[in-house]
PDB file of N, CA and C in Angstrom:
ATOM      1  N   MET A   1       0.805  -1.142   0.043  1.00  0.00           N
ATOM      2  CA  MET A   1       0.041  -0.009   0.063  1.00  0.00           C
ATOM      3  C   MET A   1       0.864   1.325   0.009  1.00  0.00           C
ATOM      4  N   TRP A   2       0.221   2.315  -0.552  1.00  0.00           N
ATOM      5  CA  TRP A   2       1.078   3.479  -0.597  1.00  0.00           C
ATOM      6  C   TRP A   2       0.930   4.266   0.654  1.00  0.00           C
ATOM      7  N   GLY A   3       1.972   5.088   1.047  1.00  0.00           N
ATOM      8  CA  GLY A   3       1.849   5.940   2.218  1.00  0.00           C
ATOM      9  C   GLY A   3       1.562   7.366   1.726  1.00  0.00           C
ATOM     10  N   LEU A   4       1.547   8.308   2.763  1.00  0.00           N
ATOM     11  CA  LEU A   4       1.119   9.632   2.435  1.00  0.00           C
ATOM     12  C   LEU A   4       1.839  10.371   1.389  1.00  0.00           C
ATOM     13  N   THR A   5       3.324  10.133   1.439  1.00  0.00           N
ATOM     14  CA  THR A   5       4.211  10.468   0.376  1.00  0.00           C
ATOM     15  C   THR A   5       3.888  10.133  -1.005  1.00  0.00           C
ATOM     16  N   GLU A   6       3.587   8.970  -1.290  1.00  0.00           N
ATOM     17  CA  GLU A   6       3.308   8.429  -2.486  1.00  0.00           C
ATOM     18  C   GLU A   6       1.893   9.047  -3.035  1.00  0.00           C
ATOM     19  N   HIS A   7       1.035   9.158  -2.204  1.00  0.00           N
ATOM     20  CA  HIS A   7      -0.290   9.693  -2.475  1.00  0.00           C
ATOM     21  C   HIS A   7      -0.209  11.261  -2.951  1.00  0.00           C
ATOM     22  N   LEU A   8       0.583  11.846  -2.167  1.00  0.00           N
ATOM     23  CA  LEU A   8       0.798  13.356  -2.572  1.00  0.00           C
ATOM     24  C   LEU A   8       1.520  13.460  -3.729  1.00  0.00           C
ATOM     25  N   LEU A   9       2.431  12.735  -3.927  1.00  0.00           N
ATOM     26  CA  LEU A   9       3.282  12.768  -5.340  1.00  0.00           C
ATOM     27  C   LEU A   9       2.435  12.444  -6.552  1.00  0.00           C
ATOM     28  N   ALA A  10       1.675  11.363  -6.327  1.00  0.00           N
ATOM     29  CA  ALA A  10       0.700  10.953  -7.343  1.00  0.00           C
ATOM     30  C   ALA A  10      -0.231  12.097  -7.626  1.00  0.00           C
ATOM     31  N   ALA A  11      -0.820  12.973  -6.672  1.00  0.00           N
ATOM     32  CA  ALA A  11      -1.686  14.064  -6.756  1.00  0.00           C
ATOM     33  C   ALA A  11      -1.049  15.117  -7.428  1.00  0.00           C
ATOM     34  N   ALA A  12       0.377  15.320  -7.219  1.00  0.00           N
ATOM     35  CA  ALA A  12       0.925  16.482  -7.760  1.00  0.00           C
ATOM     36  C   ALA A  12       1.136  16.298  -9.229  1.00  0.00           C
ATOM     37  N   VAL A  13       1.524  14.985  -9.500  1.00  0.00           N
ATOM     38  CA  VAL A  13       1.770  14.664 -11.170  1.00  0.00           C
ATOM     39  C   VAL A  13       0.417  14.627 -11.763  1.00  0.00           C
ATOM     40  N   ASP A  14      -0.676  14.326 -11.140  1.00  0.00           N
ATOM     41  CA  ASP A  14      -1.975  14.212 -11.829  1.00  0.00           C
ATOM     42  C   ASP A  14      -2.474  15.934 -12.063  1.00  0.00           C
ATOM     43  N   ALA A  15      -2.025  16.590 -11.160  1.00  0.00           N
ATOM     44  CA  ALA A  15      -2.493  18.177 -11.122  1.00  0.00           C
ATOM     45  C   ALA A  15      -1.634  18.741 -12.332  1.00  0.00           C
ATOM     46  N   LEU A  16      -0.216  18.376 -12.474  1.00  0.00           N
ATOM     47  CA  LEU A  16       0.830  18.925 -13.482  1.00  0.00           C
ATOM     48  C   LEU A  16       0.009  18.353 -14.801  1.00  0.00           C
ATOM     49  N   ASN A  17      -0.313  17.018 -15.000  1.00  0.00           N
ATOM     50  CA  ASN A  17      -0.843  16.620 -16.167  1.00  0.00           C
ATOM     51  C   ASN A  17      -1.947  17.381 -16.759  1.00  0.00           C
ATOM     52  N   ILE A  18      -2.776  17.688 -15.571  1.00  0.00           N
ATOM     53  CA  ILE A  18      -4.272  18.248 -15.940  1.00  0.00           C
ATOM     54  C   ILE A  18      -3.858  19.820 -16.563  1.00  0.00           C
ATOM     55  N   ALA A  19      -2.885  20.457 -15.667  1.00  0.00           N
ATOM     56  CA  ALA A  19      -2.441  21.834 -16.129  1.00  0.00           C
ATOM     57  C   ALA A  19      -1.772  21.959 -17.397  1.00  0.00           C
ATOM     58  N   ASN A  20      -1.130  20.959 -17.736  1.00  0.00           N
ATOM     59  CA  ASN A  20      -0.465  20.939 -19.245  1.00  0.00           C
ATOM     60  C   ASN A  20      -1.271  20.768 -20.275  1.00  0.00           C
ATOM     61  N   TRP A  21      -2.347  19.601 -20.003  1.00  0.00           N
ATOM     62  CA  TRP A  21      -3.442  19.433 -20.746  1.00  0.00           C
ATOM     63  C   TRP A  21      -4.353  20.836 -21.304  1.00  0.00           C
ATOM     64  N   GLN A  22      -4.664  21.331 -20.149  1.00  0.00           N
ATOM     65  CA  GLN A  22      -5.377  22.759 -20.223  1.00  0.00           C
ATOM     66  C   GLN A  22      -4.853  23.778 -21.400  1.00  0.00           C
ATOM     67  N   ARG A  23      -3.375  23.789 -20.959  1.00  0.00           N
ATOM     68  CA  ARG A  23      -2.710  24.962 -21.660  1.00  0.00           C
ATOM     69  C   ARG A  23      -2.570  24.400 -23.103  1.00  0.00           C
ATOM     70  N   ALA A  24      -2.497  23.079 -23.279  1.00  0.00           N
ATOM     71  CA  ALA A  24      -2.212  22.472 -24.654  1.00  0.00           C
ATOM     72  C   ALA A  24      -3.503  22.496 -25.473  1.00  0.00           C
ATOM     73  N   ASN A  25      -4.631  22.593 -24.827  1.00  0.00           N
ATOM     74  CA  ASN A  25      -5.835  22.475 -25.764  1.00  0.00           C
ATOM     75  C   ASN A  25      -6.572  23.837 -25.697  1.00  0.00           C
ATOM     76  N   ALA A  26      -5.829  24.777 -25.059  1.00  0.00           N
ATOM     77  CA  ALA A  26      -6.504  26.264 -24.933  1.00  0.00           C
ATOM     78  C   ALA A  26      -7.030  26.783 -26.243  1.00  0.00           C
ATOM     79  N   GLY A  27      -8.351  26.995 -26.543  1.00  0.00           N
ATOM     80  CA  GLY A  27      -8.817  27.432 -27.713  1.00  0.00           C
ATOM     81  C   GLY A  27      -9.123  26.540 -28.836  1.00  0.00           C
ATOM     82  N   LYS A  28      -8.905  25.403 -28.516  1.00  0.00           N
ATOM     83  CA  LYS A  28      -8.847  24.367 -29.675  1.00  0.00           C
ATOM     84  C   LYS A  28     -10.563  23.976 -29.624  1.00  0.00           C
ATOM     85  N   LYS A  29     -11.001  23.623 -30.891  1.00  0.00           N
ATOM     86  CA  LYS A  29     -12.502  23.362 -30.985  1.00  0.00           C
ATOM     87  C   LYS A  29     -12.604  21.858 -30.580  1.00  0.00           C
ATOM     88  N   SER A  30     -11.527  21.002 -30.917  1.00  0.00           N
ATOM     89  CA  SER A  30     -11.855  19.649 -30.592  1.00  0.00           C
ATOM     90  C   SER A  30     -10.300  19.274 -29.620  1.00  0.00           C
ATOM     91  N   PRO A  31     -10.747  19.426 -28.359  1.00  0.00           N
ATOM     92  CA  PRO A  31      -9.574  19.074 -27.307  1.00  0.00           C
ATOM     93  C   PRO A  31      -9.077  17.823 -27.321  1.00  0.00           C
ATOM     94  N   SER A  32      -7.847  17.351 -26.965  1.00  0.00           N
ATOM     95  CA  SER A  32      -7.524  15.941 -26.893  1.00  0.00           C
ATOM     96  C   SER A  32      -8.089  15.381 -25.645  1.00  0.00           C
ATOM     97  N   PRO A  33      -8.178  13.911 -25.548  1.00  0.00           N
ATOM     98  CA  PRO A  33      -8.688  13.498 -24.177  1.00  0.00           C
ATOM     99  C   PRO A  33      -7.988  14.013 -22.958  1.00  0.00           C
ATOM    100  N   ARG A  34      -8.746  14.071 -21.955  1.00  0.00           N
ATOM    101  CA  ARG A  34      -8.305  14.448 -20.607  1.00  0.00           C
ATOM    102  C   ARG A  34      -7.235  13.571 -20.243  1.00  0.00           C
ATOM    103  N   PRO A  35      -6.303  13.776 -19.417  1.00  0.00           N
ATOM    104  CA  PRO A  35      -5.362  12.816 -18.866  1.00  0.00           C
ATOM    105  C   PRO A  35      -5.920  11.962 -18.102  1.00  0.00           C
ATOM    106  N   LYS A  36      -5.696  10.474 -17.830  1.00  0.00           N
ATOM    107  CA  LYS A  36      -5.961   9.828 -16.897  1.00  0.00           C
ATOM    108  C   LYS A  36      -5.323   9.868 -15.597  1.00  0.00           C
ATOM    109  N   PRO A  37      -5.804   9.818 -14.359  1.00  0.00           N
ATOM    110  CA  PRO A  37      -5.028   9.883 -13.172  1.00  0.00           C
ATOM    111  C   PRO A  37      -4.155   8.714 -12.825  1.00  0.00           C
ATOM    112  N   ILE A  38      -2.983   8.793 -12.173  1.00  0.00           N
ATOM    113  CA  ILE A  38      -2.167   7.691 -11.854  1.00  0.00           C
ATOM    114  C   ILE A  38      -3.016   6.656 -10.971  1.00  0.00           C
ATOM    115  N   PRO A  39      -3.152   5.535 -11.351  1.00  0.00           N
ATOM    116  CA  PRO A  39      -3.788   4.524 -10.688  1.00  0.00           C
ATOM    117  C   PRO A  39      -3.304   4.373  -9.157  1.00  0.00           C
ATOM    118  N   ARG A  40      -4.222   4.553  -8.338  1.00  0.00           N
ATOM    119  CA  ARG A  40      -3.777   4.114  -6.795  1.00  0.00           C
ATOM    120  C   ARG A  40      -4.098   2.698  -6.360  1.00  0.00           C
ATOM    121  N   PRO A  41      -3.130   2.312  -5.582  1.00  0.00           N
ATOM    122  CA  PRO A  41      -3.460   0.765  -5.204  1.00  0.00           C
ATOM    123  C   PRO A  41      -4.740   0.787  -4.275  1.00  0.00           C
ATOM    124  N   GLY A  42      -5.361  -0.146  -4.468  1.00  0.00           N
ATOM    125  CA  GLY A  42      -6.617  -0.283  -3.626  1.00  0.00           C
ATOM    126  C   GLY A  42      -7.869   0.387  -3.935  1.00  0.00           C
ATOM    127  N   VAL A  43      -7.702   1.164  -5.258  1.00  0.00           N
ATOM    128  CA  VAL A  43      -8.811   2.076  -5.554  1.00  0.00           C
ATOM    129  C   VAL A  43      -9.240   1.610  -7.059  1.00  0.00           C
ATOM    130  N   LYS A  44     -10.528   1.235  -6.933  1.00  0.00           N
ATOM    131  CA  LYS A  44     -11.052   0.710  -8.400  1.00  0.00           C
ATOM    132  C   LYS A  44     -11.455   2.112  -9.140  1.00  0.00           C
ATOM    133  N   THR A  45     -11.204   2.113 -10.261  1.00  0.00           N
ATOM    134  CA  THR A  45     -11.348   3.032 -11.329  1.00  0.00           C
ATOM    135  C   THR A  45     -12.298   2.689 -12.420  1.00  0.00           C
ATOM    136  N   GLU A  46     -13.624   2.610 -12.084  1.00  0.00           N
ATOM    137  CA  GLU A  46     -14.541   2.194 -13.182  1.00  0.00           C
ATOM    138  C   GLU A  46     -15.445   3.688 -13.466  1.00  0.00           C
ATOM    139  N   GLU A  47     -15.805   3.570 -14.751  1.00  0.00           N
ATOM    140  CA  GLU A  47     -16.644   4.636 -15.268  1.00  0.00           C
ATOM    141  C   GLU A  47     -17.972   4.361 -14.672  1.00  0.00           C
ATOM    142  N   LYS A  48     -18.701   5.217 -14.243  1.00  0.00           N
ATOM    143  CA  LYS A  48     -20.068   5.057 -13.895  1.00  0.00           C
ATOM    144  C   LYS A  48     -21.063   5.310 -15.097  1.00  0.00           C
ATOM    145  N   ARG A  49     -21.948   4.310 -15.435  1.00  0.00           N
ATOM    146  CA  ARG A  49     -22.664   4.471 -16.544  1.00  0.00           C
ATOM    147  C   ARG A  49     -24.126   4.203 -16.058  1.00  0.00           C
ATOM    148  N   PHE A  50     -25.047   5.048 -16.622  1.00  0.00           N
ATOM    149  CA  PHE A  50     -26.469   4.971 -16.130  1.00  0.00           C
ATOM    150  C   PHE A  50     -27.251   4.835 -17.352  1.00  0.00           C
ATOM    151  N   GLY A  51     -27.948   3.700 -17.332  1.00  0.00           N
ATOM    152  CA  GLY A  51     -28.963   3.232 -18.401  1.00  0.00           C
ATOM    153  C   GLY A  51     -28.284   2.713 -19.663  1.00  0.00           C
ATOM    154  N   GLN A  52     -28.985   2.369 -20.709  1.00  0.00           N
ATOM    155  CA  GLN A  52     -28.385   1.645 -21.815  1.00  0.00           C
ATOM    156  C   GLN A  52     -28.572   2.642 -23.145  1.00  0.00           C
ATOM    157  N   GLY A  53     -28.930   3.674 -22.967  1.00  0.00           N
ATOM    158  CA  GLY A  53     -28.987   4.715 -24.228  1.00  0.00           C
ATOM    159  C   GLY A  53     -30.421   5.533 -23.975  1.00  0.00           C
ATOM    160  N   ALA A  54     -30.760   6.110 -25.123  1.00  0.00           N
ATOM    161  CA  ALA A  54     -32.085   7.050 -24.906  1.00  0.00           C
ATOM    162  C   ALA A  54     -33.248   6.058 -25.016  1.00  0.00           C
ATOM    163  N   ILE A  55     -34.308   6.678 -24.434  1.00  0.00           N
ATOM    164  CA  ILE A  55     -35.504   5.905 -24.450  1.00  0.00           C
ATOM    165  C   ILE A  55     -36.567   6.704 -25.282  1.00  0.00           C
ATOM    166  N   PRO A  56     -37.513   6.154 -25.706  1.00  0.00           N
ATOM    167  CA  PRO A  56     -38.635   6.708 -26.539  1.00  0.00           C
ATOM    168  C   PRO A  56     -39.253   7.862 -25.579  1.00  0.00           C
ATOM    169  N   ILE A  57     -39.812   8.942 -26.224  1.00  0.00           N
ATOM    170  CA  ILE A  57     -40.321  10.127 -25.528  1.00  0.00           C
ATOM    171  C   ILE A  57     -41.521   9.720 -24.756  1.00  0.00           C
ATOM    172  N   ARG A  58     -42.337   8.579 -25.366  1.00  0.00           N
ATOM    173  CA  ARG A  58     -43.555   8.166 -24.619  1.00  0.00           C
ATOM    174  C   ARG A  58     -43.092   7.450 -23.414  1.00  0.00           C
ATOM    175  N   ASP A  59     -42.081   6.720 -23.467  1.00  0.00           N
ATOM    176  CA  ASP A  59     -41.688   6.147 -22.288  1.00  0.00           C
ATOM    177  C   ASP A  59     -41.128   6.957 -21.175  1.00  0.00           C
ATOM    178  N   PHE A  60     -40.480   8.030 -21.555  1.00  0.00           N
ATOM    179  CA  PHE A  60     -39.933   8.890 -20.618  1.00  0.00           C
ATOM    180  C   PHE A  60     -41.137   9.816 -19.959  1.00  0.00           C
ATOM    181  N   ASN A  61     -42.143  10.306 -20.870  1.00  0.00           N
ATOM    182  CA  ASN A  61     -43.318  10.800 -20.400  1.00  0.00           C
ATOM    183  C   ASN A  61     -43.935   9.992 -19.334  1.00  0.00           C
ATOM    184  N   SER A  62     -44.181   8.735 -19.619  1.00  0.00           N
ATOM    185  CA  SER A  62     -44.762   7.955 -18.587  1.00  0.00           C
ATOM    186  C   SER A  62     -43.966   7.744 -17.240  1.00  0.00           C
ATOM    187  N   TRP A  63     -42.725   7.683 -17.418  1.00  0.00           N
ATOM    188  CA  TRP A  63     -41.949   7.661 -16.361  1.00  0.00           C
ATOM    189  C   TRP A  63     -41.824   8.893 -15.514  1.00  0.00           C
ATOM    190  N   TRP A  64     -41.788  10.099 -16.184  1.00  0.00           N
ATOM    191  CA  TRP A  64     -41.807  11.485 -15.659  1.00  0.00           C
ATOM    192  C   TRP A  64     -43.109  11.596 -14.928  1.00  0.00           C
ATOM    193  N   GLU A  65     -44.258  11.218 -15.259  1.00  0.00           N
ATOM    194  CA  GLU A  65     -45.472  11.531 -14.723  1.00  0.00           C
ATOM    195  C   GLU A  65     -45.795  10.595 -13.670  1.00  0.00           C
ATOM    196  N   ASN A  66     -45.154   9.409 -13.701  1.00  0.00           N
ATOM    197  CA  ASN A  66     -45.534   8.272 -12.570  1.00  0.00           C
ATOM    198  C   ASN A  66     -44.366   8.488 -11.431  1.00  0.00           C
ATOM    199  N   GLY A  67     -43.363   9.257 -11.722  1.00  0.00           N
ATOM    200  CA  GLY A  67     -42.376   9.525 -10.483  1.00  0.00           C
ATOM    201  C   GLY A  67     -41.473   8.267 -10.633  1.00  0.00           C
TER     202      GLY A  67
END
């Protein structure tokens, strides 16, 4: 497992990567992908996904009205 020093170093590197990414993409219409953070031991990095896609408007209206 990582100690405090390793976590702080990884946070600093992540911050520098984001700052460089922001400067490199300033004013671009289609920026490059955001850099991924350094993986930390013991921390799962899964993207949260909600649903399977768009639903028909009639289904949405029924859901909205019935709460």
